Amino acid sequence: MDVFPAEEKPYVRAQLAGSLQAVIAQKLMRRPGGGRVAIFEVLTATAAVSNLIREGKTHQLASVLQTGAQSGMQTFEQGLQQRIDAGVLGDCAGEGTGV
């Protein structure tokens, strides 16, 4: 948002809030024994997310992301824990193994 002039920011936020469906980010972690496994962070465009974007309160998106599992959201930490629980990664996967 910082690349837009101040007078255009409310319009751009409204456009983004109205058109955003989801944001998916990926990190690749080294798998014990070789290879890599993807860890995902997922933010879906719920009414709360759209309102926060529209109002310029994007600093609050992290808390919505942490509590939005029922809407299909997950943090990187939650995704990592899922991979560890599934046995895909070892317990020390979060210690400097990202690529």
PDB file of N, CA and C in Angstrom:
ATOM      1  N   MET A   1       0.810  -1.195   0.000  1.00  0.00           N
ATOM      2  CA  MET A   1       0.000   0.000   0.000  1.00  0.00           C
ATOM      3  C   MET A   1       0.855   1.262   0.000  1.00  0.00           C
ATOM      4  N   ASP A   2       2.072   1.148   0.474  1.00  0.00           N
ATOM      5  CA  ASP A   2       2.920   2.328   0.598  1.00  0.00           C
ATOM      6  C   ASP A   2       3.330   2.926  -0.740  1.00  0.00           C
ATOM      7  N   VAL A   3       3.179   2.187  -1.820  1.00  0.00           N
ATOM      8  CA  VAL A   3       3.588   2.711  -3.123  1.00  0.00           C
ATOM      9  C   VAL A   3       2.543   3.653  -3.720  1.00  0.00           C
ATOM     10  N   PHE A   4       1.345   3.674  -3.158  1.00  0.00           N
ATOM     11  CA  PHE A   4       0.291   4.521  -3.683  1.00  0.00           C
ATOM     12  C   PHE A   4       0.254   5.860  -2.956  1.00  0.00           C
ATOM     13  N   PRO A   5      -0.122   6.930  -3.671  1.00  0.00           N
ATOM     14  CA  PRO A   5      -0.271   8.232  -3.019  1.00  0.00           C
ATOM     15  C   PRO A   5      -1.355   8.161  -1.938  1.00  0.00           C
ATOM     16  N   ALA A   6      -1.222   8.977  -0.927  1.00  0.00           N
ATOM     17  CA  ALA A   6      -2.129   8.958   0.229  1.00  0.00           C
ATOM     18  C   ALA A   6      -3.592   9.079  -0.182  1.00  0.00           C
ATOM     19  N   GLU A   7      -3.890   9.902  -1.163  1.00  0.00           N
ATOM     20  CA  GLU A   7      -5.285  10.106  -1.568  1.00  0.00           C
ATOM     21  C   GLU A   7      -5.882   8.882  -2.273  1.00  0.00           C
ATOM     22  N   GLU A   8      -5.052   7.989  -2.782  1.00  0.00           N
ATOM     23  CA  GLU A   8      -5.535   6.797  -3.475  1.00  0.00           C
ATOM     24  C   GLU A   8      -5.635   5.571  -2.564  1.00  0.00           C
ATOM     25  N   LYS A   9      -5.019   5.607  -1.410  1.00  0.00           N
ATOM     26  CA  LYS A   9      -4.969   4.435  -0.537  1.00  0.00           C
ATOM     27  C   LYS A   9      -6.342   3.902  -0.138  1.00  0.00           C
ATOM     28  N   PRO A  10      -7.301   4.746   0.250  1.00  0.00           N
ATOM     29  CA  PRO A  10      -8.619   4.178   0.597  1.00  0.00           C
ATOM     30  C   PRO A  10      -9.270   3.430  -0.570  1.00  0.00           C
ATOM     31  N   TYR A  11      -9.143   3.967  -1.776  1.00  0.00           N
ATOM     32  CA  TYR A  11      -9.702   3.312  -2.957  1.00  0.00           C
ATOM     33  C   TYR A  11      -9.009   1.974  -3.220  1.00  0.00           C
ATOM     34  N   VAL A  12      -7.689   1.956  -3.135  1.00  0.00           N
ATOM     35  CA  VAL A  12      -6.923   0.734  -3.389  1.00  0.00           C
ATOM     36  C   VAL A  12      -7.257  -0.313  -2.324  1.00  0.00           C
ATOM     37  N   ARG A  13      -7.358   0.103  -1.057  1.00  0.00           N
ATOM     38  CA  ARG A  13      -7.727  -0.840   0.011  1.00  0.00           C
ATOM     39  C   ARG A  13      -9.115  -1.424  -0.254  1.00  0.00           C
ATOM     40  N   ALA A  14     -10.053  -0.602  -0.668  1.00  0.00           N
ATOM     41  CA  ALA A  14     -11.406  -1.086  -0.962  1.00  0.00           C
ATOM     42  C   ALA A  14     -11.397  -2.070  -2.125  1.00  0.00           C
ATOM     43  N   GLN A  15     -10.616  -1.787  -3.150  1.00  0.00           N
ATOM     44  CA  GLN A  15     -10.515  -2.692  -4.297  1.00  0.00           C
ATOM     45  C   GLN A  15      -9.906  -4.026  -3.891  1.00  0.00           C
ATOM     46  N   LEU A  16      -8.848  -3.967  -3.097  1.00  0.00           N
ATOM     47  CA  LEU A  16      -8.196  -5.191  -2.640  1.00  0.00           C
ATOM     48  C   LEU A  16      -9.131  -5.998  -1.747  1.00  0.00           C
ATOM     49  N   ALA A  17      -9.801  -5.335  -0.827  1.00  0.00           N
ATOM     50  CA  ALA A  17     -10.726  -6.018   0.091  1.00  0.00           C
ATOM     51  C   ALA A  17     -11.851  -6.698  -0.674  1.00  0.00           C
ATOM     52  N   GLY A  18     -12.298  -6.088  -1.757  1.00  0.00           N
ATOM     53  CA  GLY A  18     -13.398  -6.642  -2.530  1.00  0.00           C
ATOM     54  C   GLY A  18     -13.005  -7.762  -3.471  1.00  0.00           C
ATOM     55  N   SER A  19     -11.749  -7.807  -3.868  1.00  0.00           N
ATOM     56  CA  SER A  19     -11.348  -8.793  -4.870  1.00  0.00           C
ATOM     57  C   SER A  19     -10.487  -9.930  -4.317  1.00  0.00           C
ATOM     58  N   LEU A  20      -9.896  -9.758  -3.150  1.00  0.00           N
ATOM     59  CA  LEU A  20      -9.012 -10.772  -2.586  1.00  0.00           C
ATOM     60  C   LEU A  20      -9.791 -12.028  -2.213  1.00  0.00           C
ATOM     61  N   GLN A  21      -9.276 -13.175  -2.608  1.00  0.00           N
ATOM     62  CA  GLN A  21      -9.876 -14.456  -2.245  1.00  0.00           C
ATOM     63  C   GLN A  21      -9.050 -15.163  -1.174  1.00  0.00           C
ATOM     64  N   ALA A  22      -7.725 -15.160  -1.353  1.00  0.00           N
ATOM     65  CA  ALA A  22      -6.829 -15.816  -0.402  1.00  0.00           C
ATOM     66  C   ALA A  22      -5.401 -15.371  -0.685  1.00  0.00           C
ATOM     67  N   VAL A  23      -4.563 -15.550   0.323  1.00  0.00           N
ATOM     68  CA  VAL A  23      -3.126 -15.345   0.178  1.00  0.00           C
ATOM     69  C   VAL A  23      -2.463 -16.619   0.691  1.00  0.00           C
ATOM     70  N   ILE A  24      -1.616 -17.201  -0.132  1.00  0.00           N
ATOM     71  CA  ILE A  24      -0.918 -18.427   0.247  1.00  0.00           C
ATOM     72  C   ILE A  24       0.580 -18.173   0.114  1.00  0.00           C
ATOM     73  N   ALA A  25       1.305 -18.436   1.190  1.00  0.00           N
ATOM     74  CA  ALA A  25       2.761 -18.306   1.185  1.00  0.00           C
ATOM     75  C   ALA A  25       3.351 -19.677   1.484  1.00  0.00           C
ATOM     76  N   GLN A  26       4.554 -19.903   0.992  1.00  0.00           N
ATOM     77  CA  GLN A  26       5.190 -21.213   1.125  1.00  0.00           C
ATOM     78  C   GLN A  26       6.629 -21.059   1.581  1.00  0.00           C
ATOM     79  N   LYS A  27       7.052 -21.951   2.463  1.00  0.00           N
ATOM     80  CA  LYS A  27       8.457 -22.092   2.831  1.00  0.00           C
ATOM     81  C   LYS A  27       8.834 -23.542   2.565  1.00  0.00           C
ATOM     82  N   LEU A  28      10.044 -23.748   2.089  1.00  0.00           N
ATOM     83  CA  LEU A  28      10.544 -25.100   1.896  1.00  0.00           C
ATOM     84  C   LEU A  28      11.477 -25.436   3.043  1.00  0.00           C
ATOM     85  N   MET A  29      11.234 -26.573   3.675  1.00  0.00           N
ATOM     86  CA  MET A  29      12.047 -27.030   4.799  1.00  0.00           C
ATOM     87  C   MET A  29      12.812 -28.276   4.371  1.00  0.00           C
ATOM     88  N   ARG A  30      14.022 -28.405   4.876  1.00  0.00           N
ATOM     89  CA  ARG A  30      14.799 -29.615   4.594  1.00  0.00           C
ATOM     90  C   ARG A  30      14.198 -30.788   5.347  1.00  0.00           C
ATOM     91  N   ARG A  31      14.051 -31.883   4.647  1.00  0.00           N
ATOM     92  CA  ARG A  31      13.518 -33.107   5.241  1.00  0.00           C
ATOM     93  C   ARG A  31      14.690 -33.958   5.734  1.00  0.00           C
ATOM     94  N   PRO A  32      14.554 -34.529   6.941  1.00  0.00           N
ATOM     95  CA  PRO A  32      15.613 -35.430   7.411  1.00  0.00           C
ATOM     96  C   PRO A  32      15.811 -36.563   6.400  1.00  0.00           C
ATOM     97  N   GLY A  33      17.031 -36.802   6.023  1.00  0.00           N
ATOM     98  CA  GLY A  33      17.307 -37.843   5.044  1.00  0.00           C
ATOM     99  C   GLY A  33      17.339 -37.333   3.622  1.00  0.00           C
ATOM    100  N   GLY A  34      17.084 -36.050   3.430  1.00  0.00           N
ATOM    101  CA  GLY A  34      17.159 -35.455   2.099  1.00  0.00           C
ATOM    102  C   GLY A  34      15.821 -35.006   1.567  1.00  0.00           C
ATOM    103  N   GLY A  35      15.884 -34.104   0.653  1.00  0.00           N
ATOM    104  CA  GLY A  35      14.683 -33.552   0.051  1.00  0.00           C
ATOM    105  C   GLY A  35      14.135 -32.373   0.836  1.00  0.00           C
ATOM    106  N   ARG A  36      13.019 -31.859   0.359  1.00  0.00           N
ATOM    107  CA  ARG A  36      12.377 -30.719   0.998  1.00  0.00           C
ATOM    108  C   ARG A  36      10.876 -30.963   1.088  1.00  0.00           C
ATOM    109  N   VAL A  37      10.249 -30.293   2.030  1.00  0.00           N
ATOM    110  CA  VAL A  37       8.807 -30.364   2.181  1.00  0.00           C
ATOM    111  C   VAL A  37       8.273 -28.934   2.329  1.00  0.00           C
ATOM    112  N   ALA A  38       7.137 -28.674   1.711  1.00  0.00           N
ATOM    113  CA  ALA A  38       6.547 -27.334   1.742  1.00  0.00           C
ATOM    114  C   ALA A  38       5.721 -27.138   3.011  1.00  0.00           C
ATOM    115  N   ILE A  39       5.879 -25.965   3.606  1.00  0.00           N
ATOM    116  CA  ILE A  39       5.069 -25.530   4.733  1.00  0.00           C
ATOM    117  C   ILE A  39       4.299 -24.311   4.235  1.00  0.00           C
ATOM    118  N   PHE A  40       2.998 -24.288   4.481  1.00  0.00           N
ATOM    119  CA  PHE A  40       2.156 -23.221   3.951  1.00  0.00           C
ATOM    120  C   PHE A  40       1.564 -22.353   5.045  1.00  0.00           C
ATOM    121  N   GLU A  41       1.392 -21.070   4.692  1.00  0.00           N
ATOM    122  CA  GLU A  41       0.595 -20.146   5.493  1.00  0.00           C
ATOM    123  C   GLU A  41      -0.558 -19.728   4.593  1.00  0.00           C
ATOM    124  N   VAL A  42      -1.773 -19.793   5.116  1.00  0.00           N
ATOM    125  CA  VAL A  42      -2.957 -19.529   4.309  1.00  0.00           C
ATOM    126  C   VAL A  42      -3.837 -18.503   5.010  1.00  0.00           C
ATOM    127  N   LEU A  43      -4.142 -17.424   4.304  1.00  0.00           N
ATOM    128  CA  LEU A  43      -5.063 -16.401   4.777  1.00  0.00           C
ATOM    129  C   LEU A  43      -6.223 -16.362   3.797  1.00  0.00           C
ATOM    130  N   THR A  44      -7.427 -16.648   4.246  1.00  0.00           N
ATOM    131  CA  THR A  44      -8.590 -16.588   3.367  1.00  0.00           C
ATOM    132  C   THR A  44      -9.352 -15.290   3.614  1.00  0.00           C
ATOM    133  N   ALA A  45     -10.032 -14.838   2.587  1.00  0.00           N
ATOM    134  CA  ALA A  45     -10.711 -13.544   2.637  1.00  0.00           C
ATOM    135  C   ALA A  45     -12.082 -13.677   3.292  1.00  0.00           C
ATOM    136  N   THR A  46     -12.093 -13.713   4.606  1.00  0.00           N
ATOM    137  CA  THR A  46     -13.356 -13.696   5.342  1.00  0.00           C
ATOM    138  C   THR A  46     -13.835 -12.246   5.442  1.00  0.00           C
ATOM    139  N   ALA A  47     -15.033 -12.061   5.964  1.00  0.00           N
ATOM    140  CA  ALA A  47     -15.551 -10.703   6.161  1.00  0.00           C
ATOM    141  C   ALA A  47     -14.633  -9.904   7.082  1.00  0.00           C
ATOM    142  N   ALA A  48     -14.112 -10.549   8.120  1.00  0.00           N
ATOM    143  CA  ALA A  48     -13.208  -9.866   9.054  1.00  0.00           C
ATOM    144  C   ALA A  48     -11.928  -9.416   8.352  1.00  0.00           C
ATOM    145  N   VAL A  49     -11.353 -10.287   7.533  1.00  0.00           N
ATOM    146  CA  VAL A  49     -10.132  -9.943   6.796  1.00  0.00           C
ATOM    147  C   VAL A  49     -10.405  -8.780   5.846  1.00  0.00           C
ATOM    148  N   SER A  50     -11.486  -8.852   5.115  1.00  0.00           N
ATOM    149  CA  SER A  50     -11.833  -7.777   4.175  1.00  0.00           C
ATOM    150  C   SER A  50     -12.029  -6.452   4.897  1.00  0.00           C
ATOM    151  N   ASN A  51     -12.701  -6.481   6.036  1.00  0.00           N
ATOM    152  CA  ASN A  51     -12.917  -5.249   6.802  1.00  0.00           C
ATOM    153  C   ASN A  51     -11.609  -4.663   7.312  1.00  0.00           C
ATOM    154  N   LEU A  52     -10.712  -5.508   7.803  1.00  0.00           N
ATOM    155  CA  LEU A  52      -9.422  -5.019   8.288  1.00  0.00           C
ATOM    156  C   LEU A  52      -8.622  -4.374   7.157  1.00  0.00           C
ATOM    157  N   ILE A  53      -8.648  -4.975   5.988  1.00  0.00           N
ATOM    158  CA  ILE A  53      -7.942  -4.403   4.836  1.00  0.00           C
ATOM    159  C   ILE A  53      -8.573  -3.080   4.447  1.00  0.00           C
ATOM    160  N   ARG A  54      -9.885  -3.054   4.344  1.00  0.00           N
ATOM    161  CA  ARG A  54     -10.610  -1.847   3.948  1.00  0.00           C
ATOM    162  C   ARG A  54     -10.336  -0.693   4.912  1.00  0.00           C
ATOM    163  N   GLU A  55     -10.250  -1.008   6.209  1.00  0.00           N
ATOM    164  CA  GLU A  55     -10.044   0.025   7.230  1.00  0.00           C
ATOM    165  C   GLU A  55      -8.574   0.359   7.459  1.00  0.00           C
ATOM    166  N   GLY A  56      -7.672  -0.329   6.755  1.00  0.00           N
ATOM    167  CA  GLY A  56      -6.252  -0.059   6.906  1.00  0.00           C
ATOM    168  C   GLY A  56      -5.652  -0.617   8.184  1.00  0.00           C
ATOM    169  N   LYS A  57      -6.280  -1.617   8.767  1.00  0.00           N
ATOM    170  CA  LYS A  57      -5.807  -2.214  10.016  1.00  0.00           C
ATOM    171  C   LYS A  57      -5.107  -3.552   9.743  1.00  0.00           C
ATOM    172  N   THR A  58      -4.236  -3.548   8.767  1.00  0.00           N
ATOM    173  CA  THR A  58      -3.581  -4.787   8.356  1.00  0.00           C
ATOM    174  C   THR A  58      -2.671  -5.357   9.445  1.00  0.00           C
ATOM    175  N   HIS A  59      -2.262  -4.545  10.400  1.00  0.00           N
ATOM    176  CA  HIS A  59      -1.444  -5.049  11.506  1.00  0.00           C
ATOM    177  C   HIS A  59      -2.207  -6.053  12.360  1.00  0.00           C
ATOM    178  N   GLN A  60      -3.548  -6.084  12.245  1.00  0.00           N
ATOM    179  CA  GLN A  60      -4.362  -7.022  13.013  1.00  0.00           C
ATOM    180  C   GLN A  60      -4.606  -8.341  12.283  1.00  0.00           C
ATOM    181  N   LEU A  61      -4.139  -8.455  11.053  1.00  0.00           N
ATOM    182  CA  LEU A  61      -4.364  -9.679  10.278  1.00  0.00           C
ATOM    183  C   LEU A  61      -3.690 -10.899  10.899  1.00  0.00           C
ATOM    184  N   ALA A  62      -2.560 -10.705  11.557  1.00  0.00           N
ATOM    185  CA  ALA A  62      -1.858 -11.837  12.173  1.00  0.00           C
ATOM    186  C   ALA A  62      -2.725 -12.534  13.212  1.00  0.00           C
ATOM    187  N   SER A  63      -3.465 -11.781  14.008  1.00  0.00           N
ATOM    188  CA  SER A  63      -4.311 -12.418  15.022  1.00  0.00           C
ATOM    189  C   SER A  63      -5.496 -13.136  14.386  1.00  0.00           C
ATOM    190  N   VAL A  64      -6.046 -12.594  13.305  1.00  0.00           N
ATOM    191  CA  VAL A  64      -7.129 -13.267  12.590  1.00  0.00           C
ATOM    192  C   VAL A  64      -6.604 -14.560  11.975  1.00  0.00           C
ATOM    193  N   LEU A  65      -5.404 -14.514  11.440  1.00  0.00           N
ATOM    194  CA  LEU A  65      -4.774 -15.688  10.835  1.00  0.00           C
ATOM    195  C   LEU A  65      -4.584 -16.802  11.858  1.00  0.00           C
ATOM    196  N   GLN A  66      -4.164 -16.455  13.054  1.00  0.00           N
ATOM    197  CA  GLN A  66      -3.923 -17.453  14.099  1.00  0.00           C
ATOM    198  C   GLN A  66      -5.203 -18.137  14.556  1.00  0.00           C
ATOM    199  N   THR A  67      -6.313 -17.436  14.524  1.00  0.00           N
ATOM    200  CA  THR A  67      -7.569 -17.992  15.032  1.00  0.00           C
ATOM    201  C   THR A  67      -8.533 -18.406  13.924  1.00  0.00           C
ATOM    202  N   GLY A  68      -8.105 -18.367  12.672  1.00  0.00           N
ATOM    203  CA  GLY A  68      -9.006 -18.618  11.554  1.00  0.00           C
ATOM    204  C   GLY A  68      -9.016 -20.027  10.998  1.00  0.00           C
ATOM    205  N   ALA A  69      -8.662 -21.012  11.800  1.00  0.00           N
ATOM    206  CA  ALA A  69      -8.599 -22.391  11.302  1.00  0.00           C
ATOM    207  C   ALA A  69      -9.931 -22.871  10.741  1.00  0.00           C
ATOM    208  N   GLN A  70     -11.035 -22.459  11.341  1.00  0.00           N
ATOM    209  CA  GLN A  70     -12.351 -22.901  10.865  1.00  0.00           C
ATOM    210  C   GLN A  70     -12.659 -22.350   9.474  1.00  0.00           C
ATOM    211  N   SER A  71     -11.933 -21.310   9.063  1.00  0.00           N
ATOM    212  CA  SER A  71     -12.102 -20.739   7.724  1.00  0.00           C
ATOM    213  C   SER A  71     -11.013 -21.196   6.769  1.00  0.00           C
ATOM    214  N   GLY A  72     -10.211 -22.184   7.178  1.00  0.00           N
ATOM    215  CA  GLY A  72      -9.164 -22.716   6.329  1.00  0.00           C
ATOM    216  C   GLY A  72      -7.836 -21.997   6.434  1.00  0.00           C
ATOM    217  N   MET A  73      -7.692 -21.137   7.436  1.00  0.00           N
ATOM    218  CA  MET A  73      -6.438 -20.401   7.603  1.00  0.00           C
ATOM    219  C   MET A  73      -5.463 -21.188   8.463  1.00  0.00           C
ATOM    220  N   GLN A  74      -4.185 -20.916   8.233  1.00  0.00           N
ATOM    221  CA  GLN A  74      -3.158 -21.472   9.105  1.00  0.00           C
ATOM    222  C   GLN A  74      -1.910 -20.621   9.012  1.00  0.00           C
ATOM    223  N   THR A  75      -1.179 -20.557  10.115  1.00  0.00           N
ATOM    224  CA  THR A  75       0.108 -19.872  10.160  1.00  0.00           C
ATOM    225  C   THR A  75       1.201 -20.845   9.732  1.00  0.00           C
ATOM    226  N   PHE A  76       2.398 -20.311   9.482  1.00  0.00           N
ATOM    227  CA  PHE A  76       3.521 -21.195   9.185  1.00  0.00           C
ATOM    228  C   PHE A  76       3.778 -22.141  10.348  1.00  0.00           C
ATOM    229  N   GLU A  77       3.663 -21.636  11.568  1.00  0.00           N
ATOM    230  CA  GLU A  77       3.912 -22.470  12.740  1.00  0.00           C
ATOM    231  C   GLU A  77       2.914 -23.630  12.818  1.00  0.00           C
ATOM    232  N   GLN A  78       1.656 -23.358  12.518  1.00  0.00           N
ATOM    233  CA  GLN A  78       0.640 -24.413  12.525  1.00  0.00           C
ATOM    234  C   GLN A  78       0.907 -25.428  11.421  1.00  0.00           C
ATOM    235  N   GLY A  79       1.297 -24.953  10.246  1.00  0.00           N
ATOM    236  CA  GLY A  79       1.626 -25.851   9.143  1.00  0.00           C
ATOM    237  C   GLY A  79       2.835 -26.715   9.458  1.00  0.00           C
ATOM    238  N   LEU A  80       3.831 -26.112  10.105  1.00  0.00           N
ATOM    239  CA  LEU A  80       5.010 -26.864  10.507  1.00  0.00           C
ATOM    240  C   LEU A  80       4.646 -27.940  11.514  1.00  0.00           C
ATOM    241  N   GLN A  81       3.821 -27.592  12.482  1.00  0.00           N
ATOM    242  CA  GLN A  81       3.418 -28.565  13.502  1.00  0.00           C
ATOM    243  C   GLN A  81       2.635 -29.717  12.873  1.00  0.00           C
ATOM    244  N   GLN A  82       1.807 -29.423  11.878  1.00  0.00           N
ATOM    245  CA  GLN A  82       1.078 -30.487  11.177  1.00  0.00           C
ATOM    246  C   GLN A  82       2.043 -31.457  10.505  1.00  0.00           C
ATOM    247  N   ARG A  83       3.090 -30.924   9.876  1.00  0.00           N
ATOM    248  CA  ARG A  83       4.071 -31.784   9.200  1.00  0.00           C
ATOM    249  C   ARG A  83       4.850 -32.619  10.208  1.00  0.00           C
ATOM    250  N   ILE A  84       5.176 -32.034  11.355  1.00  0.00           N
ATOM    251  CA  ILE A  84       5.878 -32.773  12.398  1.00  0.00           C
ATOM    252  C   ILE A  84       4.976 -33.872  12.946  1.00  0.00           C
ATOM    253  N   ASP A  85       3.711 -33.546  13.244  1.00  0.00           N
ATOM    254  CA  ASP A  85       2.759 -34.527  13.774  1.00  0.00           C
ATOM    255  C   ASP A  85       2.535 -35.681  12.796  1.00  0.00           C
ATOM    256  N   ALA A  86       2.591 -35.376  11.490  1.00  0.00           N
ATOM    257  CA  ALA A  86       2.398 -36.409  10.472  1.00  0.00           C
ATOM    258  C   ALA A  86       3.653 -37.234  10.233  1.00  0.00           C
ATOM    259  N   GLY A  87       4.754 -36.866  10.886  1.00  0.00           N
ATOM    260  CA  GLY A  87       5.995 -37.608  10.731  1.00  0.00           C
ATOM    261  C   GLY A  87       6.790 -37.254   9.491  1.00  0.00           C
ATOM    262  N   VAL A  88       6.389 -36.196   8.801  1.00  0.00           N
ATOM    263  CA  VAL A  88       7.088 -35.787   7.586  1.00  0.00           C
ATOM    264  C   VAL A  88       8.399 -35.083   7.920  1.00  0.00           C
ATOM    265  N   LEU A  89       8.416 -34.376   9.052  1.00  0.00           N
ATOM    266  CA  LEU A  89       9.602 -33.674   9.529  1.00  0.00           C
ATOM    267  C   LEU A  89       9.909 -34.120  10.948  1.00  0.00           C
ATOM    268  N   GLY A  90      11.178 -34.025  11.338  1.00  0.00           N
ATOM    269  CA  GLY A  90      11.564 -34.350  12.704  1.00  0.00           C
ATOM    270  C   GLY A  90      11.177 -33.230  13.661  1.00  0.00           C
ATOM    271  N   ASP A  91      11.314 -33.466  14.954  1.00  0.00           N
ATOM    272  CA  ASP A  91      10.949 -32.481  15.960  1.00  0.00           C
ATOM    273  C   ASP A  91      11.785 -31.214  15.907  1.00  0.00           C
ATOM    274  N   CYS A  92      12.986 -31.276  15.365  1.00  0.00           N
ATOM    275  CA  CYS A  92      13.855 -30.107  15.321  1.00  0.00           C
ATOM    276  C   CYS A  92      13.747 -29.399  13.978  1.00  0.00           C
ATOM    277  N   ALA A  93      12.679 -29.630  13.223  1.00  0.00           N
ATOM    278  CA  ALA A  93      12.548 -29.092  11.863  1.00  0.00           C
ATOM    279  C   ALA A  93      12.592 -27.586  11.837  1.00  0.00           C
ATOM    280  N   GLY A  94      12.140 -26.906  12.868  1.00  0.00           N
ATOM    281  CA  GLY A  94      12.097 -25.456  12.849  1.00  0.00           C
ATOM    282  C   GLY A  94      13.413 -24.793  13.183  1.00  0.00           C
ATOM    283  N   GLU A  95      14.447 -25.543  13.479  1.00  0.00           N
ATOM    284  CA  GLU A  95      15.713 -24.967  13.920  1.00  0.00           C
ATOM    285  C   GLU A  95      16.688 -24.798  12.776  1.00  0.00           C
ATOM    286  N   GLY A  96      16.511 -23.707  12.030  1.00  0.00           N
ATOM    287  CA  GLY A  96      17.480 -23.367  11.003  1.00  0.00           C
ATOM    288  C   GLY A  96      17.482 -24.265   9.789  1.00  0.00           C
ATOM    289  N   THR A  97      16.396 -24.932   9.499  1.00  0.00           N
ATOM    290  CA  THR A  97      16.394 -25.841   8.367  1.00  0.00           C
ATOM    291  C   THR A  97      15.660 -25.267   7.163  1.00  0.00           C
ATOM    292  N   GLY A  98      15.166 -24.036   7.273  1.00  0.00           N
ATOM    293  CA  GLY A  98      14.443 -23.456   6.159  1.00  0.00           C
ATOM    294  C   GLY A  98      15.360 -23.134   5.006  1.00  0.00           C
ATOM    295  N   VAL A  99      14.789 -23.116   3.813  1.00  0.00           N
ATOM    296  CA  VAL A  99      15.554 -22.793   2.618  1.00  0.00           C
ATOM    297  C   VAL A  99      14.845 -21.670   1.906  1.00  0.00           C
TER     298      VAL A  99
END
